[in-house]
Amino acid sequence: MFRTILCPIDFSAHSRQALRYAALLASRSRGRLIVLYVEDPLLMNAAVAANYQAKELIASTRKELVRVVRRTIAPYGINTERLTLEVGVGTPHAKIRSTAEKFG
């Protein structure tokens, strides 16, 4: 049914519900699940101005993304071979489009 499902999240309760639904669809169709979080460029610039390193902020976000995704999709039995986690910086609509194009 679905070969690839792209699920952008923002760590809100609504996006976690969307992630559960995407995981259910991916599990039933044995498809690939791609979870995307987009970091706001203004927040990234503010963090860099406050002496945080951009790489550290992205690494921290990725760590939180892994934690949230693992806990949320655990009941659906999606293995790591069918799961991709992406963290990007930019405007959400542009990163969603580019990620969709990247993964077909």
C-alpha atoms as a PDB file:
ATOM      1  CA  MET A   1       0.000   0.000   0.000  1.00  0.00           C
ATOM      2  CA  PHE A   2       2.551   2.635   1.124  1.00  0.00           C
ATOM      3  CA  ARG A   3       6.222   2.179   0.339  1.00  0.00           C
ATOM      4  CA  THR A   4       7.452   5.352   2.044  1.00  0.00           C
ATOM      5  CA  ILE A   5       5.768   7.602   4.603  1.00  0.00           C
ATOM      6  CA  LEU A   6       7.203  10.994   5.514  1.00  0.00           C
ATOM      7  CA  CYS A   7       6.062  12.276   8.906  1.00  0.00           C
ATOM      8  CA  PRO A   8       7.270  15.748   9.928  1.00  0.00           C
ATOM      9  CA  ILE A   9       6.997  16.358  13.664  1.00  0.00           C
ATOM     10  CA  ASP A  10       7.457  19.297  16.014  1.00  0.00           C
ATOM     11  CA  PHE A  11       7.374  17.377  19.346  1.00  0.00           C
ATOM     12  CA  SER A  12       3.804  18.528  20.044  1.00  0.00           C
ATOM     13  CA  ALA A  13       1.079  16.137  21.174  1.00  0.00           C
ATOM     14  CA  HIS A  14      -0.620  16.487  17.790  1.00  0.00           C
ATOM     15  CA  SER A  15       2.509  15.582  15.872  1.00  0.00           C
ATOM     16  CA  ARG A  16       3.094  12.574  18.136  1.00  0.00           C
ATOM     17  CA  GLN A  17      -0.406  11.402  17.262  1.00  0.00           C
ATOM     18  CA  ALA A  18       0.411  11.870  13.575  1.00  0.00           C
ATOM     19  CA  LEU A  19       3.597   9.852  14.156  1.00  0.00           C
ATOM     20  CA  ARG A  20       1.592   7.025  15.728  1.00  0.00           C
ATOM     21  CA  TYR A  21      -0.714   6.964  12.721  1.00  0.00           C
ATOM     22  CA  ALA A  22       2.228   7.067  10.281  1.00  0.00           C
ATOM     23  CA  ALA A  23       3.900   4.216  12.186  1.00  0.00           C
ATOM     24  CA  LEU A  24       0.697   2.187  12.037  1.00  0.00           C
ATOM     25  CA  LEU A  25       0.450   2.709   8.269  1.00  0.00           C
ATOM     26  CA  ALA A  26       4.125   1.880   7.750  1.00  0.00           C
ATOM     27  CA  SER A  27       3.813  -1.229   9.889  1.00  0.00           C
ATOM     28  CA  ARG A  28       0.731  -2.532   8.086  1.00  0.00           C
ATOM     29  CA  SER A  29       2.151  -1.900   4.640  1.00  0.00           C
ATOM     30  CA  ARG A  30       5.726  -2.881   5.570  1.00  0.00           C
ATOM     31  CA  GLY A  31       6.799   0.495   4.296  1.00  0.00           C
ATOM     32  CA  ARG A  32       9.595   2.830   5.210  1.00  0.00           C
ATOM     33  CA  LEU A  33       8.991   5.565   7.790  1.00  0.00           C
ATOM     34  CA  ILE A  34      10.897   8.835   7.564  1.00  0.00           C
ATOM     35  CA  VAL A  35      10.536  11.181  10.532  1.00  0.00           C
ATOM     36  CA  LEU A  36      11.595  14.782   9.988  1.00  0.00           C
ATOM     37  CA  TYR A  37      12.142  17.600  12.462  1.00  0.00           C
ATOM     38  CA  VAL A  38      12.956  21.063  11.124  1.00  0.00           C
ATOM     39  CA  GLU A  39      14.895  23.486  13.311  1.00  0.00           C
ATOM     40  CA  ASP A  40      13.875  27.100  12.883  1.00  0.00           C
ATOM     41  CA  PRO A  41      16.731  29.137  11.361  1.00  0.00           C
ATOM     42  CA  LEU A  42      16.009  32.067  13.696  1.00  0.00           C
ATOM     43  CA  LEU A  43      16.387  29.791  16.716  1.00  0.00           C
ATOM     44  CA  MET A  44      19.584  28.381  15.251  1.00  0.00           C
ATOM     45  CA  ASN A  45      20.994  31.884  14.740  1.00  0.00           C
ATOM     46  CA  ALA A  46      20.011  32.893  18.284  1.00  0.00           C
ATOM     47  CA  ALA A  47      21.695  29.793  19.693  1.00  0.00           C
ATOM     48  CA  VAL A  48      24.879  30.501  17.750  1.00  0.00           C
ATOM     49  CA  ALA A  49      24.809  34.120  18.972  1.00  0.00           C
ATOM     50  CA  ALA A  50      24.573  32.794  22.546  1.00  0.00           C
ATOM     51  CA  ASN A  51      27.773  30.779  22.017  1.00  0.00           C
ATOM     52  CA  TYR A  52      26.120  27.448  21.264  1.00  0.00           C
ATOM     53  CA  GLN A  53      27.505  25.518  18.365  1.00  0.00           C
ATOM     54  CA  ALA A  54      25.071  24.736  15.568  1.00  0.00           C
ATOM     55  CA  LYS A  55      26.331  21.146  15.431  1.00  0.00           C
ATOM     56  CA  GLU A  56      25.717  20.725  19.171  1.00  0.00           C
ATOM     57  CA  LEU A  57      22.175  22.037  18.849  1.00  0.00           C
ATOM     58  CA  ILE A  58      21.431  19.694  15.937  1.00  0.00           C
ATOM     59  CA  ALA A  59      22.989  16.754  17.825  1.00  0.00           C
ATOM     60  CA  SER A  60      20.868  17.548  20.862  1.00  0.00           C
ATOM     61  CA  THR A  61      17.744  17.777  18.713  1.00  0.00           C
ATOM     62  CA  ARG A  62      18.583  14.477  17.013  1.00  0.00           C
ATOM     63  CA  LYS A  63      19.022  12.807  20.416  1.00  0.00           C
ATOM     64  CA  GLU A  64      15.597  14.039  21.517  1.00  0.00           C
ATOM     65  CA  LEU A  65      14.108  12.974  18.176  1.00  0.00           C
ATOM     66  CA  VAL A  66      15.472   9.452  18.626  1.00  0.00           C
ATOM     67  CA  ARG A  67      14.051   9.264  22.154  1.00  0.00           C
ATOM     68  CA  VAL A  68      10.593  10.504  21.165  1.00  0.00           C
ATOM     69  CA  VAL A  69      10.362   8.393  18.026  1.00  0.00           C
ATOM     70  CA  ARG A  70      11.501   5.169  19.697  1.00  0.00           C
ATOM     71  CA  ARG A  71       9.003   5.587  22.507  1.00  0.00           C
ATOM     72  CA  THR A  72       6.157   6.568  20.172  1.00  0.00           C
ATOM     73  CA  ILE A  73       6.568   3.876  17.509  1.00  0.00           C
ATOM     74  CA  ALA A  74       7.607   0.994  19.776  1.00  0.00           C
ATOM     75  CA  PRO A  75       4.172  -0.704  19.710  1.00  0.00           C
ATOM     76  CA  TYR A  76       4.217  -0.883  15.897  1.00  0.00           C
ATOM     77  CA  GLY A  77       7.285  -3.072  15.462  1.00  0.00           C
ATOM     78  CA  ILE A  78       9.103  -0.953  12.896  1.00  0.00           C
ATOM     79  CA  ASN A  79      12.722  -2.036  12.736  1.00  0.00           C
ATOM     80  CA  THR A  80      15.619   0.343  12.239  1.00  0.00           C
ATOM     81  CA  GLU A  81      16.106  -0.779   8.640  1.00  0.00           C
ATOM     82  CA  ARG A  82      12.748   0.795   7.759  1.00  0.00           C
ATOM     83  CA  LEU A  83      13.188   3.930   9.874  1.00  0.00           C
ATOM     84  CA  THR A  84      15.007   7.123   8.930  1.00  0.00           C
ATOM     85  CA  LEU A  85      15.332  10.151  11.197  1.00  0.00           C
ATOM     86  CA  GLU A  86      16.161  13.521   9.672  1.00  0.00           C
ATOM     87  CA  VAL A  87      16.909  16.859  11.344  1.00  0.00           C
ATOM     88  CA  GLY A  88      17.033  19.893   9.104  1.00  0.00           C
ATOM     89  CA  VAL A  89      17.337  23.646   9.433  1.00  0.00           C
ATOM     90  CA  GLY A  90      15.113  25.964   7.453  1.00  0.00           C
ATOM     91  CA  THR A  91      11.516  26.714   6.753  1.00  0.00           C
ATOM     92  CA  PRO A  92       9.350  23.654   7.398  1.00  0.00           C
ATOM     93  CA  HIS A  93       7.546  23.651   4.059  1.00  0.00           C
ATOM     94  CA  ALA A  94      10.798  23.838   2.098  1.00  0.00           C
ATOM     95  CA  LYS A  95      12.507  21.114   4.166  1.00  0.00           C
ATOM     96  CA  ILE A  96       9.451  18.849   3.926  1.00  0.00           C
ATOM     97  CA  ARG A  97       9.435  19.253   0.139  1.00  0.00           C
ATOM     98  CA  SER A  98      13.192  18.684  -0.198  1.00  0.00           C
ATOM     99  CA  THR A  99      13.057  15.638   2.087  1.00  0.00           C
ATOM    100  CA  ALA A 100      10.175  14.201   0.084  1.00  0.00           C
ATOM    101  CA  GLU A 101      12.160  14.690  -3.108  1.00  0.00           C
ATOM    102  CA  LYS A 102      15.306  13.218  -1.525  1.00  0.00           C
ATOM    103  CA  PHE A 103      13.555  10.004  -0.515  1.00  0.00           C
ATOM    104  CA  GLY A 104      11.178   9.776  -3.439  1.00  0.00           C
END
